[in-house]
Amino acid sequence: MLQRAPCTGGNRARLRFYFNNRSEHLLKTAAQARAQNRDFIRVGRSRIQGKGVFAKRKIPRGTRIVEYLGERVPISTLLVEMDAGKRTHTYIFALSHTMTIDGSVGGSDARFINHSCEPNCEACVFDDRVYIYAMRDITRGEELTFDYQLGPAIRRSGRRSKDVLDAYACHCGSPKCRGTMIASKRRSESRR
């Protein structure tokens, strides 16, 4: 399950100002958002995993690239359906502690953005909507990635078993690769 990634630094205030002052933008339908998103990105084969999302043109730092769309599913329902084999975790994004977005149902191309331990994008949540932003300038043809920071739902057993680590192994190829898509423990937690 994809964990929500926080926005960093001064971008949060700037982005909040942008969205509060662009109310007409928030009224666009999902179809209009998808059409707008195609201006920046394309889906293609990835060296990381399966399909990936690539920049069709240069994307400047701080640009809102795409909205993560899909069916909203309560986590309690999701876990029951996953245990029963009715739903997979592949395109799930945790919106909050109680709600997820399943990109496999009515999702945008954002569902194909792969994980990297050294990402060029981040996910930001505004008014219960998830947007992918460029953390740095992204060159034409470069694959878009963000750090999934997988969280508690995949650690229901309370420990990191070998099976869990194998299932969520990272293939990003970054020199800073931590070997897993699972969020690293915070320094304060590791000191306990």
N, C-alpha and C. Protein backbone atom coordinates (compact mmCIF):
# COMPACT_ATOMS: atom_id res chain seq x y z
N MET A 1 0.84 -1.16 0.00
CA MET A 1 0.00 0.00 0.00
C MET A 1 0.89 1.23 0.00
N LEU A 2 0.60 2.17 -0.82
CA LEU A 2 1.41 3.37 -0.92
C LEU A 2 1.10 4.30 0.23
N GLN A 3 2.13 4.78 0.86
CA GLN A 3 1.96 5.69 1.98
C GLN A 3 2.06 7.12 1.46
N ARG A 4 1.29 7.99 2.01
CA ARG A 4 1.30 9.39 1.61
C ARG A 4 2.66 9.99 1.93
N ALA A 5 3.24 10.68 0.97
CA ALA A 5 4.53 11.34 1.16
C ALA A 5 4.30 12.81 1.47
N PRO A 6 4.93 13.35 2.49
CA PRO A 6 4.70 14.75 2.85
C PRO A 6 5.37 15.71 1.88
N CYS A 7 4.79 16.89 1.75
CA CYS A 7 5.45 17.95 0.99
C CYS A 7 6.56 18.51 1.87
N THR A 8 7.56 19.07 1.24
CA THR A 8 8.69 19.56 2.00
C THR A 8 8.79 21.07 1.95
N GLY A 9 9.39 21.63 2.98
CA GLY A 9 9.80 23.03 3.04
C GLY A 9 8.76 24.04 2.63
N GLY A 10 9.22 25.06 1.92
CA GLY A 10 8.39 26.19 1.53
C GLY A 10 7.38 25.85 0.45
N ASN A 11 7.54 24.69 -0.21
CA ASN A 11 6.59 24.33 -1.26
C ASN A 11 5.17 24.22 -0.73
N ARG A 12 5.01 23.73 0.52
CA ARG A 12 3.68 23.51 1.08
C ARG A 12 2.88 24.81 1.10
N ALA A 13 3.45 25.88 1.64
CA ALA A 13 2.73 27.16 1.72
C ALA A 13 2.45 27.70 0.34
N ARG A 14 3.43 27.62 -0.55
CA ARG A 14 3.23 28.13 -1.90
C ARG A 14 2.14 27.36 -2.62
N LEU A 15 2.13 26.03 -2.46
CA LEU A 15 1.13 25.21 -3.14
C LEU A 15 -0.26 25.44 -2.55
N ARG A 16 -0.35 25.59 -1.23
CA ARG A 16 -1.63 25.85 -0.59
C ARG A 16 -2.19 27.18 -1.10
N PHE A 17 -1.34 28.22 -1.21
CA PHE A 17 -1.76 29.51 -1.75
C PHE A 17 -2.25 29.34 -3.17
N TYR A 18 -1.53 28.58 -3.96
CA TYR A 18 -1.89 28.37 -5.37
C TYR A 18 -3.28 27.74 -5.47
N PHE A 19 -3.53 26.68 -4.69
CA PHE A 19 -4.81 25.99 -4.80
C PHE A 19 -5.95 26.78 -4.20
N ASN A 20 -5.71 27.53 -3.12
CA ASN A 20 -6.77 28.34 -2.53
C ASN A 20 -7.17 29.47 -3.46
N ASN A 21 -6.26 29.93 -4.28
CA ASN A 21 -6.55 31.03 -5.19
C ASN A 21 -6.91 30.58 -6.60
N ARG A 22 -7.00 29.30 -6.79
CA ARG A 22 -7.36 28.77 -8.11
C ARG A 22 -8.56 27.84 -7.98
N SER A 23 -9.64 28.33 -7.37
CA SER A 23 -10.80 27.48 -7.12
C SER A 23 -11.38 26.90 -8.40
N GLU A 24 -11.29 27.64 -9.51
CA GLU A 24 -11.80 27.10 -10.78
C GLU A 24 -11.02 25.86 -11.20
N HIS A 25 -9.75 25.80 -10.84
CA HIS A 25 -8.94 24.62 -11.16
C HIS A 25 -9.47 23.39 -10.43
N LEU A 26 -9.88 23.56 -9.18
CA LEU A 26 -10.36 22.43 -8.39
C LEU A 26 -11.70 21.91 -8.87
N LEU A 27 -12.40 22.68 -9.67
CA LEU A 27 -13.70 22.27 -10.18
C LEU A 27 -13.62 21.45 -11.46
N LYS A 28 -12.43 21.28 -12.01
CA LYS A 28 -12.29 20.50 -13.24
C LYS A 28 -12.69 19.06 -13.00
N THR A 29 -13.26 18.43 -13.99
CA THR A 29 -13.63 17.03 -13.86
C THR A 29 -12.40 16.14 -14.02
N ALA A 30 -12.54 14.88 -13.66
CA ALA A 30 -11.43 13.93 -13.79
C ALA A 30 -11.00 13.81 -15.25
N ALA A 31 -11.95 13.86 -16.17
CA ALA A 31 -11.60 13.76 -17.59
C ALA A 31 -10.75 14.95 -18.03
N GLN A 32 -11.10 16.13 -17.57
CA GLN A 32 -10.31 17.31 -17.90
C GLN A 32 -8.92 17.22 -17.28
N ALA A 33 -8.84 16.70 -16.06
CA ALA A 33 -7.55 16.54 -15.40
C ALA A 33 -6.68 15.55 -16.17
N ARG A 34 -7.28 14.45 -16.63
CA ARG A 34 -6.52 13.46 -17.40
C ARG A 34 -5.98 14.08 -18.68
N ALA A 35 -6.81 14.87 -19.36
CA ALA A 35 -6.36 15.50 -20.61
C ALA A 35 -5.21 16.45 -20.33
N GLN A 36 -5.30 17.21 -19.26
CA GLN A 36 -4.24 18.14 -18.91
C GLN A 36 -2.97 17.38 -18.55
N ASN A 37 -3.10 16.26 -17.82
CA ASN A 37 -1.96 15.48 -17.40
C ASN A 37 -1.17 14.93 -18.58
N ARG A 38 -1.84 14.62 -19.67
CA ARG A 38 -1.16 14.05 -20.84
C ARG A 38 -0.18 15.04 -21.48
N ASP A 39 -0.30 16.31 -21.15
CA ASP A 39 0.65 17.29 -21.68
C ASP A 39 2.06 17.05 -21.15
N PHE A 40 2.17 16.52 -19.94
CA PHE A 40 3.47 16.33 -19.30
C PHE A 40 4.02 14.92 -19.41
N ILE A 41 3.16 13.92 -19.43
CA ILE A 41 3.62 12.55 -19.21
C ILE A 41 3.13 11.57 -20.26
N ARG A 42 3.84 10.44 -20.29
CA ARG A 42 3.42 9.29 -21.09
C ARG A 42 3.76 8.04 -20.30
N VAL A 43 3.05 6.96 -20.58
CA VAL A 43 3.32 5.68 -19.93
C VAL A 43 4.11 4.82 -20.90
N GLY A 44 5.13 4.13 -20.38
CA GLY A 44 5.95 3.25 -21.20
C GLY A 44 6.61 2.18 -20.35
N ARG A 45 7.40 1.32 -20.98
CA ARG A 45 8.12 0.27 -20.25
C ARG A 45 9.19 0.90 -19.37
N SER A 46 9.30 0.37 -18.16
CA SER A 46 10.24 0.91 -17.19
C SER A 46 11.37 -0.06 -16.92
N ARG A 47 12.56 0.47 -16.69
CA ARG A 47 13.68 -0.39 -16.28
C ARG A 47 13.54 -0.78 -14.82
N ILE A 48 12.71 -0.05 -14.06
CA ILE A 48 12.51 -0.33 -12.64
C ILE A 48 11.54 -1.49 -12.45
N GLN A 49 10.35 -1.38 -13.02
CA GLN A 49 9.31 -2.40 -12.84
C GLN A 49 8.18 -2.17 -13.82
N GLY A 50 7.89 -3.14 -14.67
CA GLY A 50 6.72 -3.09 -15.54
C GLY A 50 6.57 -1.80 -16.31
N LYS A 51 5.44 -1.15 -16.12
CA LYS A 51 5.18 0.14 -16.75
C LYS A 51 5.68 1.26 -15.85
N GLY A 52 6.01 2.38 -16.47
CA GLY A 52 6.44 3.56 -15.74
C GLY A 52 5.90 4.80 -16.40
N VAL A 53 6.07 5.94 -15.76
CA VAL A 53 5.62 7.23 -16.29
C VAL A 53 6.85 8.06 -16.62
N PHE A 54 6.84 8.66 -17.80
CA PHE A 54 8.00 9.39 -18.31
C PHE A 54 7.59 10.81 -18.71
N ALA A 55 8.53 11.73 -18.57
CA ALA A 55 8.29 13.13 -18.94
C ALA A 55 8.31 13.27 -20.46
N LYS A 56 7.26 13.85 -21.02
CA LYS A 56 7.20 14.12 -22.46
C LYS A 56 8.00 15.37 -22.82
N ARG A 57 8.22 16.21 -21.82
CA ARG A 57 8.99 17.44 -22.00
C ARG A 57 9.61 17.81 -20.66
N LYS A 58 10.45 18.82 -20.64
CA LYS A 58 11.07 19.24 -19.39
C LYS A 58 9.97 19.67 -18.41
N ILE A 59 10.11 19.22 -17.15
CA ILE A 59 9.15 19.58 -16.11
C ILE A 59 9.93 20.35 -15.03
N PRO A 60 9.62 21.62 -14.83
CA PRO A 60 10.34 22.41 -13.82
C PRO A 60 10.01 21.97 -12.39
N ARG A 61 10.96 22.18 -11.50
CA ARG A 61 10.78 21.89 -10.07
C ARG A 61 9.53 22.60 -9.57
N GLY A 62 8.75 21.91 -8.72
CA GLY A 62 7.55 22.49 -8.13
C GLY A 62 6.30 22.37 -8.97
N THR A 63 6.40 21.80 -10.17
CA THR A 63 5.24 21.67 -11.06
C THR A 63 4.32 20.55 -10.59
N ARG A 64 3.01 20.84 -10.59
CA ARG A 64 2.02 19.79 -10.34
C ARG A 64 1.92 19.00 -11.64
N ILE A 65 2.25 17.73 -11.57
CA ILE A 65 2.34 16.93 -12.78
C ILE A 65 1.05 16.17 -13.07
N VAL A 66 0.51 15.49 -12.07
CA VAL A 66 -0.66 14.63 -12.30
C VAL A 66 -1.37 14.41 -10.97
N GLU A 67 -2.68 14.20 -11.05
CA GLU A 67 -3.45 13.83 -9.86
C GLU A 67 -3.56 12.32 -9.80
N TYR A 68 -3.41 11.77 -8.60
CA TYR A 68 -3.59 10.32 -8.40
C TYR A 68 -5.08 10.08 -8.21
N LEU A 69 -5.71 9.50 -9.23
CA LEU A 69 -7.15 9.28 -9.24
C LEU A 69 -7.47 7.80 -9.05
N GLY A 70 -8.68 7.52 -8.62
CA GLY A 70 -9.15 6.16 -8.47
C GLY A 70 -10.31 6.08 -7.51
N GLU A 71 -10.78 4.86 -7.30
CA GLU A 71 -11.90 4.62 -6.38
C GLU A 71 -11.44 4.79 -4.94
N ARG A 72 -12.23 5.46 -4.15
CA ARG A 72 -11.92 5.63 -2.73
C ARG A 72 -12.48 4.44 -1.97
N VAL A 73 -11.59 3.81 -1.19
CA VAL A 73 -11.96 2.59 -0.47
C VAL A 73 -11.50 2.73 0.98
N PRO A 74 -12.42 2.55 1.95
CA PRO A 74 -11.99 2.57 3.35
C PRO A 74 -10.97 1.46 3.62
N ILE A 75 -9.98 1.74 4.45
CA ILE A 75 -8.94 0.75 4.73
C ILE A 75 -9.53 -0.53 5.29
N SER A 76 -10.53 -0.44 6.15
CA SER A 76 -11.14 -1.64 6.72
C SER A 76 -11.72 -2.53 5.62
N THR A 77 -12.39 -1.94 4.65
CA THR A 77 -12.94 -2.69 3.52
C THR A 77 -11.82 -3.27 2.66
N LEU A 78 -10.80 -2.47 2.41
CA LEU A 78 -9.66 -2.90 1.60
C LEU A 78 -8.99 -4.14 2.19
N LEU A 79 -8.73 -4.11 3.50
CA LEU A 79 -8.05 -5.24 4.13
C LEU A 79 -8.88 -6.51 4.07
N VAL A 80 -10.20 -6.40 4.26
CA VAL A 80 -11.09 -7.56 4.16
C VAL A 80 -11.07 -8.11 2.73
N GLU A 81 -11.15 -7.22 1.73
CA GLU A 81 -11.15 -7.65 0.34
C GLU A 81 -9.81 -8.24 -0.07
N MET A 82 -8.71 -7.69 0.44
CA MET A 82 -7.39 -8.25 0.13
C MET A 82 -7.24 -9.64 0.74
N ASP A 83 -7.67 -9.82 1.97
CA ASP A 83 -7.59 -11.13 2.62
C ASP A 83 -8.44 -12.17 1.90
N ALA A 84 -9.57 -11.73 1.31
CA ALA A 84 -10.45 -12.63 0.57
C ALA A 84 -10.00 -12.82 -0.88
N GLY A 85 -8.93 -12.12 -1.29
CA GLY A 85 -8.42 -12.24 -2.66
C GLY A 85 -9.22 -11.47 -3.68
N LYS A 86 -10.09 -10.56 -3.25
CA LYS A 86 -10.93 -9.79 -4.18
C LYS A 86 -10.24 -8.54 -4.70
N ARG A 87 -9.17 -8.12 -4.04
CA ARG A 87 -8.49 -6.89 -4.43
C ARG A 87 -7.01 -7.06 -4.16
N THR A 88 -6.18 -6.47 -5.03
CA THR A 88 -4.73 -6.51 -4.81
C THR A 88 -4.28 -5.14 -4.31
N HIS A 89 -3.06 -5.08 -3.85
CA HIS A 89 -2.50 -3.84 -3.30
C HIS A 89 -1.76 -3.01 -4.34
N THR A 90 -1.71 -3.45 -5.57
CA THR A 90 -0.81 -2.89 -6.56
C THR A 90 -0.92 -1.38 -6.75
N TYR A 91 -2.12 -0.83 -6.88
CA TYR A 91 -2.26 0.60 -7.15
C TYR A 91 -2.95 1.34 -6.01
N ILE A 92 -2.72 0.90 -4.79
CA ILE A 92 -3.36 1.50 -3.62
C ILE A 92 -2.50 2.64 -3.07
N PHE A 93 -3.13 3.78 -2.82
CA PHE A 93 -2.45 4.93 -2.22
C PHE A 93 -3.19 5.27 -0.94
N ALA A 94 -2.49 5.28 0.20
CA ALA A 94 -3.12 5.61 1.47
C ALA A 94 -3.33 7.12 1.55
N LEU A 95 -4.59 7.52 1.54
CA LEU A 95 -4.93 8.94 1.61
C LEU A 95 -4.89 9.44 3.06
N SER A 96 -5.33 8.58 3.97
CA SER A 96 -5.32 8.90 5.40
C SER A 96 -5.25 7.59 6.16
N HIS A 97 -5.43 7.65 7.48
CA HIS A 97 -5.40 6.44 8.29
C HIS A 97 -6.65 5.59 8.07
N THR A 98 -7.66 6.15 7.43
CA THR A 98 -8.91 5.42 7.24
C THR A 98 -9.33 5.25 5.78
N MET A 99 -8.69 5.95 4.86
CA MET A 99 -9.14 5.94 3.46
C MET A 99 -7.98 5.73 2.51
N THR A 100 -8.25 4.97 1.43
CA THR A 100 -7.26 4.74 0.38
C THR A 100 -7.85 5.12 -0.97
N ILE A 101 -6.97 5.23 -1.95
CA ILE A 101 -7.39 5.42 -3.34
C ILE A 101 -6.88 4.20 -4.11
N ASP A 102 -7.79 3.50 -4.79
CA ASP A 102 -7.41 2.35 -5.61
C ASP A 102 -7.32 2.82 -7.05
N GLY A 103 -6.09 3.02 -7.52
CA GLY A 103 -5.85 3.51 -8.87
C GLY A 103 -6.23 2.53 -9.96
N SER A 104 -6.47 1.26 -9.62
CA SER A 104 -6.84 0.27 -10.64
C SER A 104 -8.31 0.43 -11.08
N VAL A 105 -9.09 1.21 -10.34
CA VAL A 105 -10.49 1.46 -10.68
C VAL A 105 -10.65 2.95 -10.97
N GLY A 106 -10.73 3.32 -12.24
CA GLY A 106 -10.91 4.71 -12.63
C GLY A 106 -9.68 5.57 -12.38
N GLY A 107 -8.51 4.96 -12.33
CA GLY A 107 -7.28 5.68 -12.01
C GLY A 107 -6.67 6.43 -13.18
N SER A 108 -5.79 7.33 -12.85
CA SER A 108 -5.03 8.09 -13.84
C SER A 108 -3.71 7.40 -14.12
N ASP A 109 -2.93 7.98 -15.02
CA ASP A 109 -1.60 7.42 -15.32
C ASP A 109 -0.66 7.47 -14.12
N ALA A 110 -1.00 8.24 -13.10
CA ALA A 110 -0.16 8.34 -11.90
C ALA A 110 0.03 6.98 -11.24
N ARG A 111 -0.90 6.05 -11.44
CA ARG A 111 -0.79 4.73 -10.81
C ARG A 111 0.43 3.97 -11.32
N PHE A 112 1.00 4.38 -12.45
CA PHE A 112 2.17 3.70 -13.01
C PHE A 112 3.50 4.32 -12.57
N ILE A 113 3.45 5.34 -11.73
CA ILE A 113 4.70 5.95 -11.25
C ILE A 113 5.37 4.97 -10.29
N ASN A 114 6.60 4.61 -10.59
CA ASN A 114 7.34 3.64 -9.80
C ASN A 114 8.02 4.27 -8.59
N HIS A 115 8.41 3.40 -7.67
CA HIS A 115 9.13 3.80 -6.46
C HIS A 115 10.61 4.02 -6.76
N SER A 116 11.22 4.95 -6.06
CA SER A 116 12.67 5.11 -6.05
C SER A 116 13.08 5.62 -4.68
N CYS A 117 14.23 5.14 -4.23
CA CYS A 117 14.78 5.62 -2.96
C CYS A 117 15.39 7.01 -3.12
N GLU A 118 15.59 7.43 -4.36
CA GLU A 118 16.10 8.77 -4.68
C GLU A 118 15.15 9.38 -5.72
N PRO A 119 13.92 9.76 -5.27
CA PRO A 119 12.87 10.16 -6.21
C PRO A 119 13.05 11.56 -6.79
N ASN A 120 12.34 11.80 -7.90
CA ASN A 120 12.32 13.14 -8.49
C ASN A 120 10.95 13.81 -8.29
N CYS A 121 10.02 13.08 -7.68
CA CYS A 121 8.68 13.60 -7.42
C CYS A 121 8.28 13.30 -5.98
N GLU A 122 7.23 13.99 -5.53
CA GLU A 122 6.64 13.71 -4.23
C GLU A 122 5.13 13.82 -4.35
N ALA A 123 4.43 13.12 -3.47
CA ALA A 123 2.97 13.16 -3.44
C ALA A 123 2.53 14.12 -2.34
N CYS A 124 1.61 15.00 -2.69
CA CYS A 124 1.08 15.97 -1.73
C CYS A 124 -0.44 15.84 -1.70
N VAL A 125 -1.02 15.94 -0.51
CA VAL A 125 -2.47 15.82 -0.34
C VAL A 125 -3.05 17.19 -0.01
N PHE A 126 -4.04 17.60 -0.80
CA PHE A 126 -4.77 18.84 -0.58
C PHE A 126 -6.26 18.53 -0.68
N ASP A 127 -7.01 18.84 0.35
CA ASP A 127 -8.46 18.63 0.33
C ASP A 127 -8.82 17.20 -0.10
N ASP A 128 -8.14 16.22 0.46
CA ASP A 128 -8.38 14.80 0.16
C ASP A 128 -8.15 14.43 -1.30
N ARG A 129 -7.29 15.18 -1.97
CA ARG A 129 -6.89 14.86 -3.34
C ARG A 129 -5.38 14.76 -3.35
N VAL A 130 -4.86 13.78 -4.09
CA VAL A 130 -3.42 13.53 -4.13
C VAL A 130 -2.87 14.03 -5.46
N TYR A 131 -1.82 14.84 -5.37
CA TYR A 131 -1.16 15.37 -6.56
C TYR A 131 0.31 14.98 -6.51
N ILE A 132 0.89 14.73 -7.67
CA ILE A 132 2.30 14.43 -7.78
C ILE A 132 3.01 15.69 -8.28
N TYR A 133 4.04 16.11 -7.53
CA TYR A 133 4.80 17.31 -7.85
C TYR A 133 6.26 16.95 -8.14
N ALA A 134 6.88 17.75 -8.99
CA ALA A 134 8.31 17.59 -9.29
C ALA A 134 9.13 18.17 -8.13
N MET A 135 10.03 17.37 -7.56
CA MET A 135 10.91 17.82 -6.48
C MET A 135 12.12 18.57 -7.02
N ARG A 136 12.41 18.34 -8.28
CA ARG A 136 13.54 18.99 -8.94
C ARG A 136 13.18 19.07 -10.42
N ASP A 137 14.01 19.75 -11.22
CA ASP A 137 13.78 19.77 -12.66
C ASP A 137 13.89 18.34 -13.20
N ILE A 138 12.95 17.96 -14.05
CA ILE A 138 12.93 16.63 -14.64
C ILE A 138 13.13 16.79 -16.13
N THR A 139 14.08 16.06 -16.69
CA THR A 139 14.39 16.19 -18.11
C THR A 139 13.43 15.37 -18.97
N ARG A 140 13.32 15.76 -20.22
CA ARG A 140 12.48 15.04 -21.17
C ARG A 140 12.96 13.60 -21.27
N GLY A 141 12.02 12.65 -21.19
CA GLY A 141 12.33 11.23 -21.29
C GLY A 141 12.67 10.57 -19.96
N GLU A 142 12.89 11.36 -18.91
CA GLU A 142 13.23 10.80 -17.59
C GLU A 142 12.00 10.16 -16.95
N GLU A 143 12.23 9.03 -16.27
CA GLU A 143 11.13 8.36 -15.57
C GLU A 143 10.80 9.11 -14.28
N LEU A 144 9.50 9.28 -14.03
CA LEU A 144 9.04 9.91 -12.80
C LEU A 144 8.96 8.85 -11.71
N THR A 145 9.43 9.22 -10.52
CA THR A 145 9.41 8.30 -9.38
C THR A 145 9.10 9.07 -8.11
N PHE A 146 8.55 8.36 -7.12
CA PHE A 146 8.47 8.93 -5.78
C PHE A 146 8.70 7.81 -4.78
N ASP A 147 9.04 8.18 -3.56
CA ASP A 147 9.33 7.21 -2.51
C ASP A 147 8.00 6.75 -1.93
N TYR A 148 7.65 5.48 -2.13
CA TYR A 148 6.36 4.97 -1.68
C TYR A 148 6.21 5.04 -0.16
N GLN A 149 7.29 4.90 0.57
CA GLN A 149 7.24 4.94 2.04
C GLN A 149 6.12 4.06 2.57
N LEU A 150 6.13 2.79 2.13
CA LEU A 150 5.08 1.86 2.54
C LEU A 150 5.02 1.79 4.06
N GLY A 151 3.80 1.72 4.56
CA GLY A 151 3.61 1.83 5.99
C GLY A 151 2.92 0.67 6.67
N PRO A 152 2.15 1.00 7.69
CA PRO A 152 1.62 0.02 8.64
C PRO A 152 0.80 -1.11 8.04
N ALA A 153 0.05 -0.89 6.99
CA ALA A 153 -0.81 -1.95 6.47
C ALA A 153 -0.01 -3.16 6.00
N ILE A 154 1.22 -2.96 5.55
CA ILE A 154 2.02 -4.10 5.12
C ILE A 154 2.81 -4.71 6.27
N ARG A 155 2.76 -4.05 7.43
CA ARG A 155 3.46 -4.55 8.61
C ARG A 155 2.46 -4.98 9.68
N ARG A 156 1.33 -5.54 9.26
CA ARG A 156 0.29 -5.91 10.22
C ARG A 156 0.79 -6.89 11.26
N SER A 157 1.77 -7.71 10.91
CA SER A 157 2.27 -8.70 11.85
C SER A 157 3.12 -8.06 12.94
N GLY A 158 3.51 -6.79 12.77
CA GLY A 158 4.31 -6.11 13.77
C GLY A 158 5.80 -6.33 13.61
N ARG A 159 6.22 -7.11 12.62
CA ARG A 159 7.65 -7.34 12.40
C ARG A 159 7.92 -7.39 10.91
N ARG A 160 9.14 -7.18 10.55
CA ARG A 160 9.54 -7.20 9.14
C ARG A 160 10.06 -8.59 8.80
N SER A 161 9.19 -9.47 8.38
CA SER A 161 9.61 -10.82 8.04
C SER A 161 10.33 -10.81 6.69
N LYS A 162 11.08 -11.87 6.43
CA LYS A 162 11.80 -11.99 5.16
C LYS A 162 10.82 -11.99 3.99
N ASP A 163 9.65 -12.64 4.15
CA ASP A 163 8.65 -12.67 3.08
C ASP A 163 8.15 -11.27 2.75
N VAL A 164 7.92 -10.46 3.77
CA VAL A 164 7.45 -9.08 3.55
C VAL A 164 8.54 -8.28 2.84
N LEU A 165 9.78 -8.40 3.32
CA LEU A 165 10.88 -7.66 2.70
C LEU A 165 11.09 -8.09 1.25
N ASP A 166 10.96 -9.39 0.98
CA ASP A 166 11.11 -9.88 -0.40
C ASP A 166 9.98 -9.36 -1.30
N ALA A 167 8.76 -9.35 -0.77
CA ALA A 167 7.60 -8.90 -1.55
C ALA A 167 7.69 -7.41 -1.89
N TYR A 168 8.38 -6.64 -1.03
CA TYR A 168 8.47 -5.20 -1.24
C TYR A 168 9.91 -4.76 -1.49
N ALA A 169 10.66 -5.60 -2.18
CA ALA A 169 12.05 -5.28 -2.52
C ALA A 169 12.07 -4.12 -3.52
N CYS A 170 13.06 -3.28 -3.39
CA CYS A 170 13.21 -2.14 -4.29
C CYS A 170 14.14 -2.50 -5.43
N HIS A 171 13.80 -2.04 -6.63
CA HIS A 171 14.63 -2.27 -7.82
C HIS A 171 14.99 -0.96 -8.50
N CYS A 172 15.06 0.13 -7.73
CA CYS A 172 15.26 1.45 -8.33
C CYS A 172 16.65 1.63 -8.93
N GLY A 173 17.65 0.94 -8.41
CA GLY A 173 19.00 1.06 -8.95
C GLY A 173 19.75 2.29 -8.50
N SER A 174 19.19 3.06 -7.58
CA SER A 174 19.84 4.27 -7.09
C SER A 174 21.03 3.92 -6.21
N PRO A 175 22.09 4.72 -6.25
CA PRO A 175 23.22 4.50 -5.32
C PRO A 175 22.77 4.59 -3.85
N LYS A 176 21.66 5.29 -3.59
CA LYS A 176 21.14 5.44 -2.23
C LYS A 176 20.03 4.44 -1.93
N CYS A 177 19.89 3.39 -2.73
CA CYS A 177 18.82 2.41 -2.56
C CYS A 177 18.92 1.74 -1.20
N ARG A 178 17.78 1.70 -0.49
CA ARG A 178 17.76 1.05 0.82
C ARG A 178 17.29 -0.40 0.72
N GLY A 179 16.99 -0.86 -0.51
CA GLY A 179 16.65 -2.25 -0.74
C GLY A 179 15.20 -2.63 -0.53
N THR A 180 14.38 -1.69 -0.08
CA THR A 180 12.97 -1.96 0.17
C THR A 180 12.13 -0.72 -0.08
N MET A 181 10.86 -0.94 -0.41
CA MET A 181 9.93 0.18 -0.58
C MET A 181 9.29 0.56 0.75
N ILE A 182 9.56 -0.22 1.79
CA ILE A 182 9.02 0.05 3.13
C ILE A 182 9.73 1.27 3.70
N ALA A 183 8.96 2.14 4.34
CA ALA A 183 9.53 3.36 4.92
C ALA A 183 10.61 3.01 5.93
N SER A 184 11.71 3.75 5.87
CA SER A 184 12.77 3.54 6.85
C SER A 184 12.30 4.10 8.19
N LYS A 185 12.79 3.48 9.26
CA LYS A 185 12.41 3.96 10.59
C LYS A 185 13.02 5.33 10.82
N ARG A 186 12.28 6.17 11.52
CA ARG A 186 12.80 7.49 11.86
C ARG A 186 13.89 7.33 12.89
N ARG A 187 14.78 8.28 12.93
CA ARG A 187 15.90 8.22 13.89
C ARG A 187 15.40 8.12 15.31
N SER A 188 14.34 8.85 15.62
CA SER A 188 13.83 8.82 17.00
C SER A 188 13.28 7.45 17.36
N GLU A 189 12.68 6.74 16.39
CA GLU A 189 12.17 5.40 16.65
C GLU A 189 13.30 4.40 16.79
N SER A 190 14.39 4.58 16.03
CA SER A 190 15.49 3.62 16.06
C SER A 190 16.32 3.73 17.34
N ARG A 191 16.21 4.85 18.04
CA ARG A 191 16.96 5.05 19.28
C ARG A 191 16.31 4.33 20.47
N ARG A 192 15.05 3.98 20.33
CA ARG A 192 14.32 3.33 21.44
C ARG A 192 14.78 1.92 21.68
